Every structure is written in structure tokens, then in C-alpha cells.
Amino acid sequence: MHNLSDNTFKKASQDELIFICHNMPRGMVSMIQARTGATRSEVLYQLRNGAKIQKTEIIRAAREILFVVTGLSYEKEKQRQ
């Protein structure tokens, strides 16, 4: 489970980015944009292309919004397998 007050950042693996993109609900990109101030293309680039230099605020927002809206967490799913 994600601790929303935790300021540490763990770089997202390619598998985690695929998990986020596969499970993100409709409108999640807009929610990330509103939260971070990033453009739609920046958000999609970070999530879909697995940028080498990850923007922490976009990845953190994606993880948190996915968890709050769907209850899914990559860490929980990885432990389950």
C-alpha cells in the first residue's frame, strides 16, 4: 500500500509502467495533469515510453491516483504472484 505522506521515490520499472497503463481508468491522464501541471504529452511519454529520466511528480501521482481510484497497487500485485 502506498503511504501518501512518504517522500521517498522508487524508480518505476518497465513492468510497473505497463501495469499502470493497463489498469488506469478513463480520465486518469487528466487527473495526473491537474495534479502535476504537466501537459498530456508529458504524462503519456512518462507512462508509455518508460523515460530514462523519470519525473517523480508524474510517477508518484500515477501510483497514488491508480491506488485511490481502483485500489490496485503494483507492489501488492507483485507480492500476490
PDB file of N, CA and C in Angstrom:
ATOM      1  N   MET A   1       0.838  -1.169   0.000  1.00  0.00           N
ATOM      2  CA  MET A   1       0.000   0.000   0.000  1.00  0.00           C
ATOM      3  C   MET A   1       0.884   1.233   0.000  1.00  0.00           C
ATOM      4  N   HIS A   2       0.437   2.260  -0.655  1.00  0.00           N
ATOM      5  CA  HIS A   2       1.217   3.487  -0.753  1.00  0.00           C
ATOM      6  C   HIS A   2       0.954   4.380   0.448  1.00  0.00           C
ATOM      7  N   ASN A   3       2.018   4.898   0.999  1.00  0.00           N
ATOM      8  CA  ASN A   3       1.916   5.876   2.058  1.00  0.00           C
ATOM      9  C   ASN A   3       1.934   7.238   1.385  1.00  0.00           C
ATOM     10  N   LEU A   4       0.816   7.935   1.407  1.00  0.00           N
ATOM     11  CA  LEU A   4       0.697   9.178   0.663  1.00  0.00           C
ATOM     12  C   LEU A   4       1.595  10.287   1.203  1.00  0.00           C
ATOM     13  N   SER A   5       2.038  10.174   2.451  1.00  0.00           N
ATOM     14  CA  SER A   5       2.906  11.202   3.009  1.00  0.00           C
ATOM     15  C   SER A   5       4.384  10.859   2.852  1.00  0.00           C
ATOM     16  N   ASP A   6       4.690   9.719   2.245  1.00  0.00           N
ATOM     17  CA  ASP A   6       6.075   9.281   2.086  1.00  0.00           C
ATOM     18  C   ASP A   6       6.733  10.081   0.960  1.00  0.00           C
ATOM     19  N   ASN A   7       7.899  10.667   1.244  1.00  0.00           N
ATOM     20  CA  ASN A   7       8.581  11.488   0.252  1.00  0.00           C
ATOM     21  C   ASN A   7       9.673  10.742  -0.499  1.00  0.00           C
ATOM     22  N   THR A   8       9.880   9.472  -0.202  1.00  0.00           N
ATOM     23  CA  THR A   8      10.890   8.705  -0.926  1.00  0.00           C
ATOM     24  C   THR A   8      10.332   8.310  -2.287  1.00  0.00           C
ATOM     25  N   PHE A   9      11.213   8.208  -3.264  1.00  0.00           N
ATOM     26  CA  PHE A   9      10.775   7.864  -4.615  1.00  0.00           C
ATOM     27  C   PHE A   9      11.557   6.674  -5.106  1.00  0.00           C
ATOM     28  N   LYS A  10      10.834   5.662  -5.554  1.00  0.00           N
ATOM     29  CA  LYS A  10      11.446   4.482  -6.136  1.00  0.00           C
ATOM     30  C   LYS A  10      11.172   4.536  -7.635  1.00  0.00           C
ATOM     31  N   LYS A  11      12.216   4.434  -8.433  1.00  0.00           N
ATOM     32  CA  LYS A  11      12.056   4.488  -9.875  1.00  0.00           C
ATOM     33  C   LYS A  11      11.129   3.365 -10.335  1.00  0.00           C
ATOM     34  N   ALA A  12      10.213   3.685 -11.232  1.00  0.00           N
ATOM     35  CA  ALA A  12       9.250   2.707 -11.731  1.00  0.00           C
ATOM     36  C   ALA A  12       9.916   1.800 -12.772  1.00  0.00           C
ATOM     37  N   SER A  13       9.705   0.513 -12.622  1.00  0.00           N
ATOM     38  CA  SER A  13      10.235  -0.440 -13.601  1.00  0.00           C
ATOM     39  C   SER A  13       9.339  -0.430 -14.836  1.00  0.00           C
ATOM     40  N   GLN A  14       9.825  -1.026 -15.898  1.00  0.00           N
ATOM     41  CA  GLN A  14       9.030  -1.131 -17.124  1.00  0.00           C
ATOM     42  C   GLN A  14       7.754  -1.932 -16.853  1.00  0.00           C
ATOM     43  N   ASP A  15       7.860  -2.981 -16.033  1.00  0.00           N
ATOM     44  CA  ASP A  15       6.679  -3.786 -15.687  1.00  0.00           C
ATOM     45  C   ASP A  15       5.645  -2.965 -14.925  1.00  0.00           C
ATOM     46  N   GLU A  16       6.109  -2.103 -14.019  1.00  0.00           N
ATOM     47  CA  GLU A  16       5.173  -1.270 -13.270  1.00  0.00           C
ATOM     48  C   GLU A  16       4.478  -0.268 -14.181  1.00  0.00           C
ATOM     49  N   LEU A  17       5.211   0.316 -15.113  1.00  0.00           N
ATOM     50  CA  LEU A  17       4.594   1.267 -16.049  1.00  0.00           C
ATOM     51  C   LEU A  17       3.542   0.576 -16.912  1.00  0.00           C
ATOM     52  N   ILE A  18       3.832  -0.648 -17.344  1.00  0.00           N
ATOM     53  CA  ILE A  18       2.849  -1.422 -18.121  1.00  0.00           C
ATOM     54  C   ILE A  18       1.620  -1.692 -17.258  1.00  0.00           C
ATOM     55  N   PHE A  19       1.834  -2.066 -15.995  1.00  0.00           N
ATOM     56  CA  PHE A  19       0.733  -2.316 -15.063  1.00  0.00           C
ATOM     57  C   PHE A  19      -0.142  -1.071 -14.911  1.00  0.00           C
ATOM     58  N   ILE A  20       0.489   0.078 -14.727  1.00  0.00           N
ATOM     59  CA  ILE A  20      -0.265   1.330 -14.557  1.00  0.00           C
ATOM     60  C   ILE A  20      -1.068   1.636 -15.818  1.00  0.00           C
ATOM     61  N   CYS A  21      -0.441   1.550 -16.983  1.00  0.00           N
ATOM     62  CA  CYS A  21      -1.135   1.867 -18.241  1.00  0.00           C
ATOM     63  C   CYS A  21      -2.279   0.897 -18.511  1.00  0.00           C
ATOM     64  N   HIS A  22      -2.069  -0.367 -18.185  1.00  0.00           N
ATOM     65  CA  HIS A  22      -3.094  -1.382 -18.431  1.00  0.00           C
ATOM     66  C   HIS A  22      -4.310  -1.192 -17.519  1.00  0.00           C
ATOM     67  N   ASN A  23      -4.083  -0.724 -16.301  1.00  0.00           N
ATOM     68  CA  ASN A  23      -5.161  -0.640 -15.309  1.00  0.00           C
ATOM     69  C   ASN A  23      -5.710   0.756 -15.077  1.00  0.00           C
ATOM     70  N   MET A  24      -5.143   1.768 -15.727  1.00  0.00           N
ATOM     71  CA  MET A  24      -5.617   3.123 -15.441  1.00  0.00           C
ATOM     72  C   MET A  24      -7.014   3.344 -16.018  1.00  0.00           C
ATOM     73  N   PRO A  25      -7.893   3.934 -15.194  1.00  0.00           N
ATOM     74  CA  PRO A  25      -9.257   4.185 -15.653  1.00  0.00           C
ATOM     75  C   PRO A  25      -9.315   5.376 -16.607  1.00  0.00           C
ATOM     76  N   ARG A  26     -10.425   5.482 -17.278  1.00  0.00           N
ATOM     77  CA  ARG A  26     -10.641   6.604 -18.191  1.00  0.00           C
ATOM     78  C   ARG A  26     -10.565   7.918 -17.403  1.00  0.00           C
ATOM     79  N   GLY A  27      -9.842   8.862 -17.929  1.00  0.00           N
ATOM     80  CA  GLY A  27      -9.716  10.169 -17.288  1.00  0.00           C
ATOM     81  C   GLY A  27      -8.534  10.302 -16.348  1.00  0.00           C
ATOM     82  N   MET A  28      -7.775   9.230 -16.174  1.00  0.00           N
ATOM     83  CA  MET A  28      -6.656   9.288 -15.232  1.00  0.00           C
ATOM     84  C   MET A  28      -5.553  10.226 -15.713  1.00  0.00           C
ATOM     85  N   VAL A  29      -5.326  10.298 -17.014  1.00  0.00           N
ATOM     86  CA  VAL A  29      -4.299  11.198 -17.546  1.00  0.00           C
ATOM     87  C   VAL A  29      -4.670  12.644 -17.202  1.00  0.00           C
ATOM     88  N   SER A  30      -5.945  12.973 -17.316  1.00  0.00           N
ATOM     89  CA  SER A  30      -6.398  14.323 -16.963  1.00  0.00           C
ATOM     90  C   SER A  30      -6.216  14.605 -15.471  1.00  0.00           C
ATOM     91  N   MET A  31      -6.448  13.581 -14.646  1.00  0.00           N
ATOM     92  CA  MET A  31      -6.242  13.753 -13.203  1.00  0.00           C
ATOM     93  C   MET A  31      -4.771  13.995 -12.888  1.00  0.00           C
ATOM     94  N   ILE A  32      -3.885  13.268 -13.572  1.00  0.00           N
ATOM     95  CA  ILE A  32      -2.444  13.462 -13.364  1.00  0.00           C
ATOM     96  C   ILE A  32      -2.040  14.855 -13.832  1.00  0.00           C
ATOM     97  N   GLN A  33      -2.592  15.297 -14.963  1.00  0.00           N
ATOM     98  CA  GLN A  33      -2.304  16.644 -15.462  1.00  0.00           C
ATOM     99  C   GLN A  33      -2.714  17.704 -14.445  1.00  0.00           C
ATOM    100  N   ALA A  34      -3.917  17.555 -13.890  1.00  0.00           N
ATOM    101  CA  ALA A  34      -4.412  18.540 -12.926  1.00  0.00           C
ATOM    102  C   ALA A  34      -3.547  18.565 -11.672  1.00  0.00           C
ATOM    103  N   ARG A  35      -3.083  17.408 -11.272  1.00  0.00           N
ATOM    104  CA  ARG A  35      -2.287  17.324 -10.042  1.00  0.00           C
ATOM    105  C   ARG A  35      -0.869  17.849 -10.224  1.00  0.00           C
ATOM    106  N   THR A  36      -0.270  17.595 -11.397  1.00  0.00           N
ATOM    107  CA  THR A  36       1.146  17.930 -11.588  1.00  0.00           C
ATOM    108  C   THR A  36       1.382  19.192 -12.401  1.00  0.00           C
ATOM    109  N   GLY A  37       0.410  19.590 -13.199  1.00  0.00           N
ATOM    110  CA  GLY A  37       0.610  20.738 -14.079  1.00  0.00           C
ATOM    111  C   GLY A  37       1.343  20.370 -15.361  1.00  0.00           C
ATOM    112  N   ALA A  38       1.582  19.098 -15.579  1.00  0.00           N
ATOM    113  CA  ALA A  38       2.270  18.629 -16.795  1.00  0.00           C
ATOM    114  C   ALA A  38       1.286  18.574 -17.967  1.00  0.00           C
ATOM    115  N   THR A  39       1.830  18.617 -19.169  1.00  0.00           N
ATOM    116  CA  THR A  39       0.972  18.500 -20.347  1.00  0.00           C
ATOM    117  C   THR A  39       0.607  17.036 -20.575  1.00  0.00           C
ATOM    118  N   ARG A  40      -0.419  16.821 -21.392  1.00  0.00           N
ATOM    119  CA  ARG A  40      -0.871  15.461 -21.709  1.00  0.00           C
ATOM    120  C   ARG A  40       0.259  14.649 -22.340  1.00  0.00           C
ATOM    121  N   SER A  41       1.007  15.259 -23.241  1.00  0.00           N
ATOM    122  CA  SER A  41       2.088  14.535 -23.906  1.00  0.00           C
ATOM    123  C   SER A  41       3.197  14.162 -22.927  1.00  0.00           C
ATOM    124  N   GLU A  42       3.488  15.020 -21.948  1.00  0.00           N
ATOM    125  CA  GLU A  42       4.498  14.693 -20.932  1.00  0.00           C
ATOM    126  C   GLU A  42       4.066  13.489 -20.094  1.00  0.00           C
ATOM    127  N   VAL A  43       2.795  13.495 -19.693  1.00  0.00           N
ATOM    128  CA  VAL A  43       2.274  12.388 -18.880  1.00  0.00           C
ATOM    129  C   VAL A  43       2.329  11.086 -19.671  1.00  0.00           C
ATOM    130  N   LEU A  44       1.844  11.115 -20.902  1.00  0.00           N
ATOM    131  CA  LEU A  44       1.837   9.895 -21.712  1.00  0.00           C
ATOM    132  C   LEU A  44       3.248   9.414 -22.020  1.00  0.00           C
ATOM    133  N   TYR A  45       4.182  10.324 -22.253  1.00  0.00           N
ATOM    134  CA  TYR A  45       5.566   9.938 -22.511  1.00  0.00           C
ATOM    135  C   TYR A  45       6.161   9.231 -21.304  1.00  0.00           C
ATOM    136  N   GLN A  46       5.925   9.784 -20.123  1.00  0.00           N
ATOM    137  CA  GLN A  46       6.462   9.187 -18.901  1.00  0.00           C
ATOM    138  C   GLN A  46       5.876   7.795 -18.650  1.00  0.00           C
ATOM    139  N   LEU A  47       4.587   7.621 -18.905  1.00  0.00           N
ATOM    140  CA  LEU A  47       3.939   6.348 -18.598  1.00  0.00           C
ATOM    141  C   LEU A  47       4.107   5.294 -19.692  1.00  0.00           C
ATOM    142  N   ARG A  48       4.043   5.691 -20.922  1.00  0.00           N
ATOM    143  CA  ARG A  48       4.060   4.711 -22.013  1.00  0.00           C
ATOM    144  C   ARG A  48       5.449   4.383 -22.535  1.00  0.00           C
ATOM    145  N   ASN A  49       6.333   5.360 -22.563  1.00  0.00           N
ATOM    146  CA  ASN A  49       7.644   5.129 -23.160  1.00  0.00           C
ATOM    147  C   ASN A  49       8.712   4.758 -22.157  1.00  0.00           C
ATOM    148  N   GLY A  50       8.401   4.830 -20.890  1.00  0.00           N
ATOM    149  CA  GLY A  50       9.390   4.481 -19.878  1.00  0.00           C
ATOM    150  C   GLY A  50      10.636   5.337 -19.983  1.00  0.00           C
ATOM    151  N   ALA A  51      10.469   6.622 -19.856  1.00  0.00           N
ATOM    152  CA  ALA A  51      11.576   7.571 -19.993  1.00  0.00           C
ATOM    153  C   ALA A  51      12.722   7.210 -19.057  1.00  0.00           C
ATOM    154  N   LYS A  52      13.949   7.399 -19.536  1.00  0.00           N
ATOM    155  CA  LYS A  52      15.117   7.084 -18.712  1.00  0.00           C
ATOM    156  C   LYS A  52      15.204   8.012 -17.514  1.00  0.00           C
ATOM    157  N   ILE A  53      14.870   9.278 -17.715  1.00  0.00           N
ATOM    158  CA  ILE A  53      14.830  10.237 -16.610  1.00  0.00           C
ATOM    159  C   ILE A  53      13.357  10.429 -16.260  1.00  0.00           C
ATOM    160  N   GLN A  54      12.942   9.783 -15.182  1.00  0.00           N
ATOM    161  CA  GLN A  54      11.539   9.832 -14.791  1.00  0.00           C
ATOM    162  C   GLN A  54      11.252  11.073 -13.956  1.00  0.00           C
ATOM    163  N   LYS A  55      10.122  11.694 -14.250  1.00  0.00           N
ATOM    164  CA  LYS A  55       9.691  12.846 -13.459  1.00  0.00           C
ATOM    165  C   LYS A  55       8.946  12.309 -12.244  1.00  0.00           C
ATOM    166  N   THR A  56       9.512  12.565 -11.086  1.00  0.00           N
ATOM    167  CA  THR A  56       8.990  11.979  -9.857  1.00  0.00           C
ATOM    168  C   THR A  56       7.536  12.350  -9.588  1.00  0.00           C
ATOM    169  N   GLU A  57       7.164  13.595  -9.868  1.00  0.00           N
ATOM    170  CA  GLU A  57       5.799  14.007  -9.550  1.00  0.00           C
ATOM    171  C   GLU A  57       4.765  13.295 -10.427  1.00  0.00           C
ATOM    172  N   ILE A  58       5.106  12.996 -11.670  1.00  0.00           N
ATOM    173  CA  ILE A  58       4.170  12.303 -12.561  1.00  0.00           C
ATOM    174  C   ILE A  58       4.016  10.839 -12.149  1.00  0.00           C
ATOM    175  N   ILE A  59       5.124  10.169 -11.888  1.00  0.00           N
ATOM    176  CA  ILE A  59       5.075   8.756 -11.496  1.00  0.00           C
ATOM    177  C   ILE A  59       4.375   8.604 -10.149  1.00  0.00           C
ATOM    178  N   ARG A  60       4.710   9.470  -9.190  1.00  0.00           N
ATOM    179  CA  ARG A  60       4.072   9.404  -7.876  1.00  0.00           C
ATOM    180  C   ARG A  60       2.570   9.653  -7.988  1.00  0.00           C
ATOM    181  N   ALA A  61       2.174  10.645  -8.782  1.00  0.00           N
ATOM    182  CA  ALA A  61       0.756  10.941  -8.959  1.00  0.00           C
ATOM    183  C   ALA A  61       0.042   9.761  -9.615  1.00  0.00           C
ATOM    184  N   ALA A  62       0.668   9.133 -10.599  1.00  0.00           N
ATOM    185  CA  ALA A  62       0.051   7.984 -11.266  1.00  0.00           C
ATOM    186  C   ALA A  62      -0.165   6.835 -10.288  1.00  0.00           C
ATOM    187  N   ARG A  63       0.837   6.549  -9.470  1.00  0.00           N
ATOM    188  CA  ARG A  63       0.707   5.472  -8.477  1.00  0.00           C
ATOM    189  C   ARG A  63      -0.422   5.769  -7.490  1.00  0.00           C
ATOM    190  N   GLU A  64      -0.429   6.987  -6.968  1.00  0.00           N
ATOM    191  CA  GLU A  64      -1.411   7.345  -5.946  1.00  0.00           C
ATOM    192  C   GLU A  64      -2.830   7.388  -6.499  1.00  0.00           C
ATOM    193  N   ILE A  65      -3.007   7.975  -7.670  1.00  0.00           N
ATOM    194  CA  ILE A  65      -4.344   8.067  -8.262  1.00  0.00           C
ATOM    195  C   ILE A  65      -4.864   6.674  -8.619  1.00  0.00           C
ATOM    196  N   LEU A  66      -4.011   5.832  -9.181  1.00  0.00           N
ATOM    197  CA  LEU A  66      -4.431   4.464  -9.506  1.00  0.00           C
ATOM    198  C   LEU A  66      -4.880   3.739  -8.237  1.00  0.00           C
ATOM    199  N   PHE A  67      -4.134   3.896  -7.149  1.00  0.00           N
ATOM    200  CA  PHE A  67      -4.495   3.218  -5.905  1.00  0.00           C
ATOM    201  C   PHE A  67      -5.799   3.756  -5.331  1.00  0.00           C
ATOM    202  N   VAL A  68      -5.958   5.068  -5.325  1.00  0.00           N
ATOM    203  CA  VAL A  68      -7.161   5.671  -4.738  1.00  0.00           C
ATOM    204  C   VAL A  68      -8.408   5.327  -5.549  1.00  0.00           C
ATOM    205  N   VAL A  69      -8.311   5.363  -6.868  1.00  0.00           N
ATOM    206  CA  VAL A  69      -9.481   5.148  -7.719  1.00  0.00           C
ATOM    207  C   VAL A  69      -9.828   3.660  -7.858  1.00  0.00           C
ATOM    208  N   THR A  70      -8.806   2.808  -8.025  1.00  0.00           N
ATOM    209  CA  THR A  70      -9.074   1.390  -8.301  1.00  0.00           C
ATOM    210  C   THR A  70      -8.734   0.454  -7.146  1.00  0.00           C
ATOM    211  N   GLY A  71      -7.919   0.912  -6.220  1.00  0.00           N
ATOM    212  CA  GLY A  71      -7.477   0.046  -5.133  1.00  0.00           C
ATOM    213  C   GLY A  71      -6.339  -0.874  -5.529  1.00  0.00           C
ATOM    214  N   LEU A  72      -5.802  -0.691  -6.733  1.00  0.00           N
ATOM    215  CA  LEU A  72      -4.721  -1.544  -7.218  1.00  0.00           C
ATOM    216  C   LEU A  72      -3.366  -0.922  -6.927  1.00  0.00           C
ATOM    217  N   SER A  73      -2.428  -1.769  -6.564  1.00  0.00           N
ATOM    218  CA  SER A  73      -1.063  -1.338  -6.309  1.00  0.00           C
ATOM    219  C   SER A  73      -0.138  -2.360  -6.940  1.00  0.00           C
ATOM    220  N   TYR A  74       0.868  -1.895  -7.677  1.00  0.00           N
ATOM    221  CA  TYR A  74       1.818  -2.805  -8.323  1.00  0.00           C
ATOM    222  C   TYR A  74       2.539  -3.665  -7.289  1.00  0.00           C
ATOM    223  N   GLU A  75       2.921  -3.057  -6.172  1.00  0.00           N
ATOM    224  CA  GLU A  75       3.629  -3.801  -5.121  1.00  0.00           C
ATOM    225  C   GLU A  75       2.767  -4.926  -4.563  1.00  0.00           C
ATOM    226  N   LYS A  76       1.470  -4.635  -4.313  1.00  0.00           N
ATOM    227  CA  LYS A  76       0.567  -5.670  -3.796  1.00  0.00           C
ATOM    228  C   LYS A  76       0.394  -6.801  -4.811  1.00  0.00           C
ATOM    229  N   GLU A  77       0.218  -6.430  -6.072  1.00  0.00           N
ATOM    230  CA  GLU A  77       0.017  -7.442  -7.121  1.00  0.00           C
ATOM    231  C   GLU A  77       1.282  -8.295  -7.304  1.00  0.00           C
ATOM    232  N   LYS A  78       2.444  -7.666  -7.174  1.00  0.00           N
ATOM    233  CA  LYS A  78       3.708  -8.403  -7.313  1.00  0.00           C
ATOM    234  C   LYS A  78       3.871  -9.391  -6.162  1.00  0.00           C
ATOM    235  N   GLN A  79       3.494  -8.999  -4.968  1.00  0.00           N
ATOM    236  CA  GLN A  79       3.587  -9.898  -3.820  1.00  0.00           C
ATOM    237  C   GLN A  79       2.602 -11.052  -3.940  1.00  0.00           C
ATOM    238  N   ARG A  80       1.460 -10.789  -4.541  1.00  0.00           N
ATOM    239  CA  ARG A  80       0.420 -11.798  -4.686  1.00  0.00           C
ATOM    240  C   ARG A  80       0.860 -12.927  -5.607  1.00  0.00           C
ATOM    241  N   GLN A  81       1.716 -12.625  -6.580  1.00  0.00           N
ATOM    242  CA  GLN A  81       2.132 -13.631  -7.560  1.00  0.00           C
ATOM    243  C   GLN A  81       3.218 -14.509  -7.066  1.00  0.00           C
TER     244      GLN A  81
END
